[in-house]
N, C-alpha and C. Protein backbone atom coordinates (compact mmCIF):
# COMPACT_ATOMS: atom_id res chain seq x y z
N MET A 1 0.84 -1.16 0.00
CA MET A 1 0.00 0.00 0.00
C MET A 1 0.89 1.23 0.00
N LYS A 2 0.56 2.16 -0.89
CA LYS A 2 1.37 3.36 -1.03
C LYS A 2 1.01 4.37 0.05
N ASN A 3 2.02 4.96 0.64
CA ASN A 3 1.79 5.97 1.67
C ASN A 3 1.43 7.31 1.03
N SER A 4 0.62 8.07 1.72
CA SER A 4 0.23 9.39 1.26
C SER A 4 1.43 10.33 1.34
N PRO A 5 1.61 11.22 0.36
CA PRO A 5 2.75 12.13 0.41
C PRO A 5 2.63 13.15 1.53
N LEU A 6 1.45 13.33 2.07
CA LEU A 6 1.25 14.29 3.16
C LEU A 6 1.19 13.56 4.49
N SER A 7 1.66 14.23 5.52
CA SER A 7 1.56 13.65 6.84
C SER A 7 0.09 13.65 7.28
N PRO A 8 -0.27 12.81 8.24
CA PRO A 8 -1.68 12.77 8.68
C PRO A 8 -2.22 14.11 9.15
N THR A 9 -1.39 14.90 9.80
CA THR A 9 -1.85 16.21 10.27
C THR A 9 -2.13 17.12 9.09
N ARG A 10 -1.23 17.13 8.12
CA ARG A 10 -1.45 17.97 6.93
C ARG A 10 -2.67 17.49 6.15
N GLN A 11 -2.84 16.19 6.02
CA GLN A 11 -3.99 15.64 5.31
C GLN A 11 -5.29 16.06 6.01
N PHE A 12 -5.29 16.04 7.34
CA PHE A 12 -6.46 16.48 8.10
C PHE A 12 -6.76 17.96 7.83
N ILE A 13 -5.72 18.79 7.83
CA ILE A 13 -5.91 20.22 7.58
C ILE A 13 -6.44 20.46 6.17
N VAL A 14 -5.92 19.73 5.20
CA VAL A 14 -6.41 19.85 3.82
C VAL A 14 -7.87 19.45 3.74
N ASN A 15 -8.24 18.37 4.39
CA ASN A 15 -9.64 17.92 4.38
C ASN A 15 -10.56 18.94 5.05
N VAL A 16 -10.11 19.51 6.16
CA VAL A 16 -10.91 20.53 6.85
C VAL A 16 -11.08 21.75 5.96
N MET A 17 -10.03 22.16 5.28
CA MET A 17 -10.11 23.32 4.38
C MET A 17 -11.08 23.06 3.23
N ILE A 18 -11.06 21.84 2.68
CA ILE A 18 -11.98 21.49 1.60
C ILE A 18 -13.42 21.56 2.10
N VAL A 19 -13.68 21.04 3.29
CA VAL A 19 -15.03 21.09 3.85
C VAL A 19 -15.45 22.54 4.11
N LEU A 20 -14.54 23.36 4.65
CA LEU A 20 -14.87 24.77 4.90
C LEU A 20 -15.18 25.52 3.62
N VAL A 21 -14.41 25.26 2.57
CA VAL A 21 -14.67 25.92 1.28
C VAL A 21 -16.02 25.46 0.73
N ALA A 22 -16.34 24.18 0.85
CA ALA A 22 -17.63 23.67 0.38
C ALA A 22 -18.77 24.32 1.16
N VAL A 23 -18.62 24.43 2.47
CA VAL A 23 -19.65 25.08 3.30
C VAL A 23 -19.79 26.54 2.92
N LEU A 24 -18.68 27.22 2.67
CA LEU A 24 -18.73 28.62 2.26
C LEU A 24 -19.45 28.80 0.93
N ILE A 25 -19.20 27.90 -0.01
CA ILE A 25 -19.87 27.98 -1.31
C ILE A 25 -21.36 27.75 -1.15
N VAL A 26 -21.75 26.75 -0.36
CA VAL A 26 -23.18 26.49 -0.13
C VAL A 26 -23.83 27.68 0.55
N TRP A 27 -23.16 28.28 1.53
CA TRP A 27 -23.71 29.45 2.23
C TRP A 27 -23.86 30.62 1.27
N LEU A 28 -22.89 30.83 0.39
CA LEU A 28 -22.96 31.92 -0.58
C LEU A 28 -24.10 31.72 -1.57
N VAL A 29 -24.28 30.49 -2.03
CA VAL A 29 -25.40 30.19 -2.94
C VAL A 29 -26.72 30.40 -2.22
N TYR A 30 -26.80 30.03 -0.94
CA TYR A 30 -28.02 30.23 -0.17
C TYR A 30 -28.34 31.72 -0.01
N ILE A 31 -27.31 32.53 0.24
CA ILE A 31 -27.52 33.97 0.40
C ILE A 31 -27.95 34.60 -0.93
N LEU A 32 -27.38 34.14 -2.01
CA LEU A 32 -27.64 34.74 -3.33
C LEU A 32 -28.72 34.01 -4.12
N ARG A 33 -29.51 33.17 -3.47
CA ARG A 33 -30.48 32.35 -4.20
C ARG A 33 -31.51 33.18 -4.95
N ASP A 34 -31.93 34.32 -4.42
CA ASP A 34 -32.90 35.15 -5.12
C ASP A 34 -32.30 35.73 -6.40
N PHE A 35 -31.07 36.19 -6.31
CA PHE A 35 -30.42 36.75 -7.49
C PHE A 35 -30.13 35.67 -8.52
N ILE A 36 -29.76 34.50 -8.06
CA ILE A 36 -29.48 33.39 -8.98
C ILE A 36 -30.76 32.98 -9.69
N GLY A 37 -31.86 32.91 -8.96
CA GLY A 37 -33.15 32.56 -9.57
C GLY A 37 -33.59 33.60 -10.59
N LEU A 38 -33.44 34.87 -10.24
CA LEU A 38 -33.80 35.94 -11.16
C LEU A 38 -32.93 35.91 -12.40
N PHE A 39 -31.64 35.65 -12.22
CA PHE A 39 -30.72 35.57 -13.35
C PHE A 39 -31.08 34.40 -14.26
N LEU A 40 -31.38 33.24 -13.69
CA LEU A 40 -31.76 32.08 -14.51
C LEU A 40 -33.07 32.33 -15.24
N PHE A 41 -34.04 32.98 -14.57
CA PHE A 41 -35.30 33.31 -15.23
C PHE A 41 -35.06 34.28 -16.39
N SER A 42 -34.20 35.26 -16.19
CA SER A 42 -33.89 36.23 -17.24
C SER A 42 -33.21 35.56 -18.43
N CYS A 43 -32.29 34.65 -18.13
CA CYS A 43 -31.62 33.92 -19.21
C CYS A 43 -32.61 33.07 -20.00
N PHE A 44 -33.50 32.41 -19.29
CA PHE A 44 -34.51 31.59 -19.96
C PHE A 44 -35.43 32.45 -20.82
N PHE A 45 -35.85 33.58 -20.29
CA PHE A 45 -36.73 34.49 -21.03
C PHE A 45 -36.02 35.04 -22.27
N ALA A 46 -34.76 35.40 -22.13
CA ALA A 46 -33.98 35.90 -23.27
C ALA A 46 -33.81 34.81 -24.33
N LEU A 47 -33.62 33.58 -23.88
CA LEU A 47 -33.48 32.46 -24.79
C LEU A 47 -34.77 32.23 -25.57
N LEU A 48 -35.91 32.39 -24.91
CA LEU A 48 -37.19 32.21 -25.59
C LEU A 48 -37.48 33.31 -26.61
N LEU A 49 -37.05 34.53 -26.31
CA LEU A 49 -37.37 35.66 -27.18
C LEU A 49 -36.32 35.93 -28.24
N ALA A 50 -35.18 35.28 -28.17
CA ALA A 50 -34.09 35.53 -29.12
C ALA A 50 -34.49 35.29 -30.58
N PRO A 51 -35.23 34.23 -30.90
CA PRO A 51 -35.59 34.03 -32.32
C PRO A 51 -36.43 35.17 -32.90
N PHE A 52 -37.30 35.76 -32.08
CA PHE A 52 -38.10 36.88 -32.57
C PHE A 52 -37.24 38.10 -32.86
N VAL A 53 -36.27 38.36 -31.99
CA VAL A 53 -35.38 39.50 -32.18
C VAL A 53 -34.50 39.28 -33.41
N ILE A 54 -34.04 38.05 -33.60
CA ILE A 54 -33.22 37.74 -34.78
C ILE A 54 -34.02 37.93 -36.05
N ARG A 55 -35.28 37.51 -36.04
CA ARG A 55 -36.12 37.68 -37.22
C ARG A 55 -36.35 39.16 -37.51
N LEU A 56 -36.59 39.95 -36.47
CA LEU A 56 -36.76 41.38 -36.67
C LEU A 56 -35.47 42.03 -37.16
N LYS A 57 -34.34 41.52 -36.73
CA LYS A 57 -33.06 42.05 -37.19
C LYS A 57 -32.85 41.77 -38.68
N LYS A 58 -33.34 40.63 -39.14
CA LYS A 58 -33.25 40.32 -40.57
C LYS A 58 -34.10 41.29 -41.40
N TRP A 59 -35.14 41.85 -40.80
CA TRP A 59 -35.99 42.81 -41.48
C TRP A 59 -35.46 44.23 -41.31
N LYS A 60 -34.20 44.37 -40.92
CA LYS A 60 -33.51 45.66 -40.77
C LYS A 60 -34.07 46.53 -39.64
N ILE A 61 -34.60 45.89 -38.60
CA ILE A 61 -35.07 46.62 -37.42
C ILE A 61 -33.94 46.59 -36.40
N PRO A 62 -33.55 47.73 -35.82
CA PRO A 62 -32.45 47.74 -34.84
C PRO A 62 -32.74 46.84 -33.64
N ASP A 63 -31.65 46.40 -33.00
CA ASP A 63 -31.77 45.46 -31.87
C ASP A 63 -32.63 46.02 -30.73
N VAL A 64 -32.37 47.26 -30.35
CA VAL A 64 -33.10 47.85 -29.21
C VAL A 64 -34.59 47.93 -29.53
N LEU A 65 -34.92 48.37 -30.72
CA LEU A 65 -36.33 48.46 -31.11
C LEU A 65 -36.96 47.07 -31.21
N GLY A 66 -36.19 46.09 -31.70
CA GLY A 66 -36.70 44.72 -31.78
C GLY A 66 -36.97 44.14 -30.41
N ILE A 67 -36.08 44.39 -29.46
CA ILE A 67 -36.27 43.90 -28.09
C ILE A 67 -37.48 44.56 -27.46
N LEU A 68 -37.61 45.89 -27.63
CA LEU A 68 -38.77 46.59 -27.08
C LEU A 68 -40.07 46.11 -27.70
N MET A 69 -40.07 45.90 -29.01
CA MET A 69 -41.27 45.39 -29.67
C MET A 69 -41.64 44.00 -29.17
N THR A 70 -40.63 43.16 -28.97
CA THR A 70 -40.89 41.80 -28.50
C THR A 70 -41.44 41.82 -27.08
N PHE A 71 -40.83 42.61 -26.20
CA PHE A 71 -41.33 42.70 -24.83
C PHE A 71 -42.75 43.27 -24.79
N PHE A 72 -43.00 44.30 -25.59
CA PHE A 72 -44.33 44.89 -25.62
C PHE A 72 -45.35 43.88 -26.14
N SER A 73 -44.98 43.11 -27.16
CA SER A 73 -45.89 42.10 -27.71
C SER A 73 -46.22 41.03 -26.68
N VAL A 74 -45.21 40.55 -25.99
CA VAL A 74 -45.44 39.52 -24.97
C VAL A 74 -46.28 40.08 -23.83
N PHE A 75 -45.97 41.31 -23.40
CA PHE A 75 -46.75 41.94 -22.34
C PHE A 75 -48.20 42.12 -22.77
N LEU A 76 -48.42 42.53 -24.00
CA LEU A 76 -49.77 42.72 -24.51
C LEU A 76 -50.54 41.41 -24.58
N ILE A 77 -49.90 40.36 -25.04
CA ILE A 77 -50.56 39.06 -25.14
C ILE A 77 -50.92 38.51 -23.76
N VAL A 78 -49.98 38.61 -22.81
CA VAL A 78 -50.26 38.13 -21.46
C VAL A 78 -51.36 38.97 -20.80
N SER A 79 -51.33 40.28 -21.02
CA SER A 79 -52.36 41.15 -20.45
C SER A 79 -53.74 40.83 -21.02
N LEU A 80 -53.81 40.64 -22.33
CA LEU A 80 -55.10 40.29 -22.94
C LEU A 80 -55.60 38.95 -22.44
N PHE A 81 -54.69 38.01 -22.25
CA PHE A 81 -55.09 36.71 -21.72
C PHE A 81 -55.65 36.84 -20.31
N LEU A 82 -54.96 37.60 -19.47
CA LEU A 82 -55.43 37.77 -18.09
C LEU A 82 -56.76 38.53 -18.04
N VAL A 83 -56.89 39.56 -18.86
CA VAL A 83 -58.13 40.33 -18.87
C VAL A 83 -59.29 39.47 -19.35
N SER A 84 -59.04 38.58 -20.28
CA SER A 84 -60.14 37.74 -20.78
C SER A 84 -60.48 36.59 -19.84
N ILE A 85 -59.56 36.16 -19.00
CA ILE A 85 -59.84 35.01 -18.14
C ILE A 85 -60.29 35.41 -16.74
N ILE A 86 -59.94 36.61 -16.28
CA ILE A 86 -60.31 37.04 -14.93
C ILE A 86 -61.83 37.07 -14.72
N PRO A 87 -62.63 37.59 -15.67
CA PRO A 87 -64.08 37.60 -15.44
C PRO A 87 -64.68 36.21 -15.25
N VAL A 88 -64.07 35.19 -15.81
CA VAL A 88 -64.57 33.83 -15.66
C VAL A 88 -64.48 33.40 -14.21
N PHE A 89 -63.42 33.80 -13.51
CA PHE A 89 -63.22 33.38 -12.14
C PHE A 89 -63.93 34.30 -11.14
N ILE A 90 -64.30 35.47 -11.57
CA ILE A 90 -64.99 36.39 -10.67
C ILE A 90 -66.46 36.06 -10.72
């Protein structure tokens, strides 16, 4: 059996440091969970809307205007859907 290149005390310190770093990472993710969730939602939303912006760009519409048009269209569609379904539940 091959001996470890580190002494038992050093190996223990290395293991403790690895556990502390893992705990620190988990704690940091827990603290930033709201921002991480918002970031992932934003990335998913951008991924869904990217084909529409690319199509508008092919029609020579600037990126900023294409993004605004896409957001306005989605907002309008969702608003119309909510306005049409709310009276059913009331």
